[in-house]
């Protein structure tokens, strides 16, 4: 299979970027998209040119680092798949593919197809955790959790923090990501003590990072490689509104009878 690749090249964060065009031949349909880029980089290296920088780690749809826009779609045309899980049989001989980094103000380009997505890490640091006493492992049946609740929490916990939801959203909102993190902890007993604080802190950090507001366009859910439901955004809004109302409640004076 022979392909034409229009690839975004940018030497450094402050550099002027541009699209460069490459031709690659001998692509096998069983290759992953990243293996095809390995092949391209080998070709560029042999030609004495700078290889294309792109992020990857696990190549199994777990780490969330393989963030590419492929023909305007986050992670490419396959639904429920990260870029590393996309195989070249999704395309046909003679196709032209345009590959760019995820586009969002909160995701500055580091080099070529690599973006800085640490804004998502800072949202997690703001409240995406629970505080527990350390010690020996507790008995698995000590805290009983209903099957429906557990499954919904685990569906939300499947988020890999890739940022496809942000890249696909017309407002560059991180609400699906934040909603998934708030939901999966907020549905479990261990997450209840800090539930209000978590929702407030993570939403405030999300706003501070410069992400846009959610208008429930639904593009985030379509782009998510783990197919996380937009329902987590509704739960995020509910938790945030409830926590905000509690924060505004007047408190009794100290020592009042």
Protein backbone atom coordinates (compact mmCIF):
# COMPACT_ATOMS: atom_id res chain seq x y z
CA UNK A 1 0.00 0.00 0.00
CA UNK A 2 1.30 3.44 -0.98
CA UNK A 3 0.23 6.50 1.00
CA UNK A 4 0.77 10.24 1.00
CA UNK A 5 1.28 11.69 4.48
CA UNK A 6 0.76 15.35 5.31
CA UNK A 7 2.46 15.64 8.71
CA UNK A 8 2.66 18.61 11.05
CA UNK A 9 6.29 19.52 11.74
CA UNK A 10 7.28 21.94 14.48
CA UNK A 11 10.84 22.04 15.80
CA UNK A 12 10.06 23.56 19.23
CA UNK A 13 7.16 25.07 21.23
CA UNK A 14 7.86 28.64 20.02
CA UNK A 15 8.76 27.66 16.44
CA UNK A 16 6.55 28.22 13.44
CA UNK A 17 5.01 24.92 12.42
CA UNK A 18 3.99 23.72 8.98
CA UNK A 19 2.67 20.71 7.11
CA UNK A 20 5.27 18.63 5.27
CA UNK A 21 4.35 15.96 2.74
CA UNK A 22 5.92 12.51 2.52
CA UNK A 23 5.30 9.49 0.33
CA UNK A 24 5.59 6.03 1.84
CA UNK A 25 5.31 2.71 0.02
CA UNK A 26 5.10 -0.90 1.17
CA UNK A 27 2.69 -0.29 4.05
CA UNK A 28 1.06 -3.51 5.26
CA UNK A 29 -2.58 -3.45 6.33
CA UNK A 30 -1.73 -5.37 9.50
CA UNK A 31 0.61 -2.61 10.70
CA UNK A 32 -0.57 -0.34 13.46
CA UNK A 33 -0.63 3.38 12.69
CA UNK A 34 2.42 3.89 14.92
CA UNK A 35 4.31 1.08 13.18
CA UNK A 36 3.65 2.89 9.93
CA UNK A 37 5.21 6.00 11.51
CA UNK A 38 8.19 3.89 12.60
CA UNK A 39 8.57 2.93 8.95
CA UNK A 40 8.34 6.58 7.89
CA UNK A 41 10.96 7.61 10.45
CA UNK A 42 13.33 4.88 9.28
CA UNK A 43 12.91 6.21 5.74
CA UNK A 44 13.55 9.79 6.86
CA UNK A 45 16.62 8.75 8.87
CA UNK A 46 18.09 6.88 5.89
CA UNK A 47 17.53 10.03 3.81
CA UNK A 48 19.42 12.10 6.39
CA UNK A 49 16.29 13.94 7.53
CA UNK A 50 14.90 14.60 11.00
CA UNK A 51 12.42 11.87 12.05
CA UNK A 52 8.93 12.85 13.16
CA UNK A 53 8.55 13.15 16.93
CA UNK A 54 5.44 11.45 18.29
CA UNK A 55 4.47 10.22 21.75
CA UNK A 56 4.00 6.53 22.58
CA UNK A 57 4.60 4.11 25.39
CA UNK A 58 2.47 0.98 25.83
CA UNK A 59 1.10 0.74 22.27
CA UNK A 60 -1.81 -1.20 23.76
CA UNK A 61 -4.39 1.55 24.28
CA UNK A 62 -3.53 1.96 27.97
CA UNK A 63 -1.09 4.85 28.43
CA UNK A 64 -3.03 7.48 26.46
CA UNK A 65 0.06 9.15 25.04
CA UNK A 66 -0.45 8.40 21.30
CA UNK A 67 -2.48 11.54 20.70
CA UNK A 68 -2.81 12.28 16.98
CA UNK A 69 -5.44 13.96 14.84
CA UNK A 70 -5.82 11.84 11.71
CA UNK A 71 -7.78 13.46 8.88
CA UNK A 72 -9.41 15.71 11.48
CA UNK A 73 -10.43 12.90 13.83
CA UNK A 74 -8.89 12.35 17.25
CA UNK A 75 -7.14 8.93 17.12
CA UNK A 76 -8.45 8.35 13.59
CA UNK A 77 -11.53 6.71 12.05
CA UNK A 78 -11.94 3.65 14.27
CA UNK A 79 -14.41 4.13 17.12
CA UNK A 80 -13.29 2.95 20.55
CA UNK A 81 -9.59 2.81 19.63
CA UNK A 82 -6.51 4.86 20.45
CA UNK A 83 -4.04 5.76 17.69
CA UNK A 84 -1.83 2.80 18.59
CA UNK A 85 -4.81 0.44 18.16
CA UNK A 86 -5.65 1.81 14.71
CA UNK A 87 -4.42 -0.49 11.93
CA UNK A 88 -3.56 0.49 8.39
CA UNK A 89 -6.32 -1.71 6.97
CA UNK A 90 -8.57 1.22 7.92
CA UNK A 91 -7.16 2.96 4.83
CA UNK A 92 -6.72 2.04 1.21
CA UNK A 93 -3.93 2.25 -1.33
CA UNK A 94 -3.38 5.77 -2.62
CA UNK A 95 -4.99 7.52 0.36
CA UNK A 96 -3.74 10.88 1.59
CA UNK A 97 -3.58 11.18 5.39
CA UNK A 98 -3.20 14.44 7.27
CA UNK A 99 -1.68 13.91 10.72
CA UNK A 100 -1.54 16.70 13.29
CA UNK A 101 -1.15 17.00 17.07
CA UNK A 102 -4.17 17.42 19.32
CA UNK A 103 -5.29 21.03 19.04
CA UNK A 104 -6.24 22.86 22.24
CA UNK A 105 -4.96 25.96 24.00
CA UNK A 106 -4.28 23.87 27.11
CA UNK A 107 -2.21 21.37 25.04
CA UNK A 108 0.78 23.35 23.70
CA UNK A 109 2.88 21.62 21.07
CA UNK A 110 6.30 20.47 22.31
CA UNK A 111 7.60 19.13 19.00
CA UNK A 112 5.92 17.83 15.84
CA UNK A 113 3.06 15.58 17.04
CA UNK A 114 3.97 15.72 20.74
CA UNK A 115 1.84 17.95 22.98
CA UNK A 116 2.08 18.90 26.63
CA UNK A 117 -1.01 17.37 28.28
CA UNK A 118 0.17 17.95 31.85
CA UNK A 119 -2.89 20.15 32.41
CA UNK A 120 -4.85 16.90 32.82
CA UNK A 121 -2.34 15.73 35.44
CA UNK A 122 -2.86 18.93 37.41
CA UNK A 123 -6.63 18.37 37.41
CA UNK A 124 -6.00 14.94 38.93
CA UNK A 125 -3.61 16.43 41.49
CA UNK A 126 -6.32 18.89 42.52
CA UNK A 127 -8.64 16.16 43.78
CA UNK A 128 -8.63 12.94 41.77
CA UNK A 129 -7.72 10.72 44.70
CA UNK A 130 -8.98 9.46 48.06
CA UNK A 131 -7.26 9.76 51.45
CA UNK A 132 -6.94 6.48 53.34
CA UNK A 133 -4.99 5.20 56.30
CA UNK A 134 -2.13 2.98 55.20
CA UNK A 135 -1.72 -0.50 56.56
CA UNK A 136 -2.59 -4.06 55.64
CA UNK A 137 -5.00 -4.84 52.85
CA UNK A 138 -8.64 -4.87 53.92
CA UNK A 139 -10.88 -7.84 53.35
CA UNK A 140 -12.40 -7.67 49.87
CA UNK A 141 -15.93 -8.15 51.22
CA UNK A 142 -15.63 -5.68 54.09
CA UNK A 143 -17.33 -2.91 52.08
CA UNK A 144 -20.12 -4.29 49.92
CA UNK A 145 -20.79 -2.45 46.65
CA UNK A 146 -23.70 -3.18 44.36
CA UNK A 147 -22.93 -4.66 40.95
CA UNK A 148 -24.62 -1.83 39.02
CA UNK A 149 -22.76 0.83 40.98
CA UNK A 150 -19.46 -0.99 40.60
CA UNK A 151 -19.85 -1.43 36.85
CA UNK A 152 -20.73 2.23 36.33
CA UNK A 153 -17.78 3.34 38.45
CA UNK A 154 -15.41 1.06 36.55
CA UNK A 155 -16.73 2.28 33.20
CA UNK A 156 -15.78 5.82 34.23
CA UNK A 157 -12.45 4.62 35.63
CA UNK A 158 -11.52 3.29 32.17
CA UNK A 159 -10.45 6.83 31.16
CA UNK A 160 -6.78 6.81 30.10
CA UNK A 161 -6.37 10.59 30.10
CA UNK A 162 -5.43 10.74 26.41
CA UNK A 163 -7.13 14.10 25.81
CA UNK A 164 -9.09 13.01 22.73
CA UNK A 165 -12.23 14.44 24.32
CA UNK A 166 -10.55 17.85 24.54
CA UNK A 167 -9.25 17.69 20.96
CA UNK A 168 -12.65 16.68 19.57
CA UNK A 169 -14.71 19.20 21.56
CA UNK A 170 -15.54 22.44 19.67
CA UNK A 171 -14.92 24.28 22.96
CA UNK A 172 -11.77 22.30 23.94
CA UNK A 173 -13.52 21.30 27.16
CA UNK A 174 -12.06 18.74 29.55
CA UNK A 175 -15.45 17.96 31.10
CA UNK A 176 -15.57 14.32 29.96
CA UNK A 177 -12.12 13.67 31.44
CA UNK A 178 -12.90 15.50 34.68
CA UNK A 179 -16.37 13.97 34.86
CA UNK A 180 -14.95 10.46 34.51
CA UNK A 181 -12.48 11.02 37.34
CA UNK A 182 -15.08 12.62 39.63
CA UNK A 183 -17.69 9.96 38.83
CA UNK A 184 -15.63 6.85 39.39
CA UNK A 185 -14.54 8.02 42.84
CA UNK A 186 -17.84 9.65 43.76
CA UNK A 187 -19.83 6.46 43.19
CA UNK A 188 -17.74 4.37 45.58
CA UNK A 189 -17.95 4.43 49.39
CA UNK A 190 -14.24 5.24 49.68
CA UNK A 191 -14.75 8.44 47.71
CA UNK A 192 -17.57 9.91 49.78
CA UNK A 193 -15.65 11.83 52.53
CA UNK A 194 -13.97 14.10 49.95
CA UNK A 195 -16.70 14.08 47.30
CA UNK A 196 -17.71 17.75 47.58
CA UNK A 197 -14.16 19.01 47.95
CA UNK A 198 -13.08 16.91 44.97
CA UNK A 199 -15.73 18.26 42.61
CA UNK A 200 -15.01 21.88 43.52
CA UNK A 201 -11.23 21.55 43.33
CA UNK A 202 -11.12 19.65 40.04
CA UNK A 203 -13.58 21.94 38.25
CA UNK A 204 -11.75 25.02 39.50
CA UNK A 205 -8.43 23.59 38.30
CA UNK A 206 -9.98 22.71 34.95
CA UNK A 207 -11.07 26.33 34.52
CA UNK A 208 -7.68 27.62 35.65
CA UNK A 209 -5.95 25.53 32.98
CA UNK A 210 -7.89 27.33 30.26
CA UNK A 211 -10.17 24.56 29.03
CA UNK A 212 -13.44 25.66 27.46
CA UNK A 213 -16.92 25.19 28.85
CA UNK A 214 -19.06 22.16 28.04
CA UNK A 215 -22.13 22.64 25.82
CA UNK A 216 -22.91 18.89 25.59
CA UNK A 217 -22.04 18.72 21.89
CA UNK A 218 -21.22 15.03 22.39
CA UNK A 219 -18.08 14.97 20.23
CA UNK A 220 -16.05 14.00 23.31
CA UNK A 221 -17.96 10.76 23.75
CA UNK A 222 -17.58 9.89 20.06
CA UNK A 223 -13.80 10.43 20.16
CA UNK A 224 -13.14 8.66 23.47
CA UNK A 225 -11.15 5.46 22.86
CA UNK A 226 -12.81 3.91 25.92
CA UNK A 227 -16.30 5.08 24.84
CA UNK A 228 -17.03 6.74 28.17
CA UNK A 229 -20.59 8.03 28.30
CA UNK A 230 -21.38 11.72 28.38
CA UNK A 231 -23.48 10.88 31.46
CA UNK A 232 -20.34 11.42 33.57
CA UNK A 233 -20.56 15.13 32.70
CA UNK A 234 -24.08 15.24 34.12
CA UNK A 235 -22.78 13.66 37.33
CA UNK A 236 -19.92 16.16 37.43
CA UNK A 237 -22.36 19.06 37.12
CA UNK A 238 -24.61 17.60 39.81
CA UNK A 239 -21.72 17.13 42.24
CA UNK A 240 -20.34 20.59 41.54
CA UNK A 241 -23.73 22.31 41.98
CA UNK A 242 -24.44 20.46 45.22
CA UNK A 243 -20.98 21.20 46.60
CA UNK A 244 -21.25 24.86 45.60
CA UNK A 245 -24.61 25.17 47.35
CA UNK A 246 -23.18 23.65 50.53
CA UNK A 247 -20.24 26.05 50.40
CA UNK A 248 -22.61 29.02 50.24
CA UNK A 249 -24.74 27.86 53.20
CA UNK A 250 -24.42 30.26 56.18
CA UNK A 251 -22.65 28.77 59.14
CA UNK A 252 -23.81 29.14 62.73
CA UNK A 253 -21.71 31.43 64.89
CA UNK A 254 -19.13 29.68 67.03
CA UNK A 255 -20.53 29.11 70.51
CA UNK A 256 -24.12 29.84 69.49
CA UNK A 257 -26.69 28.00 71.58
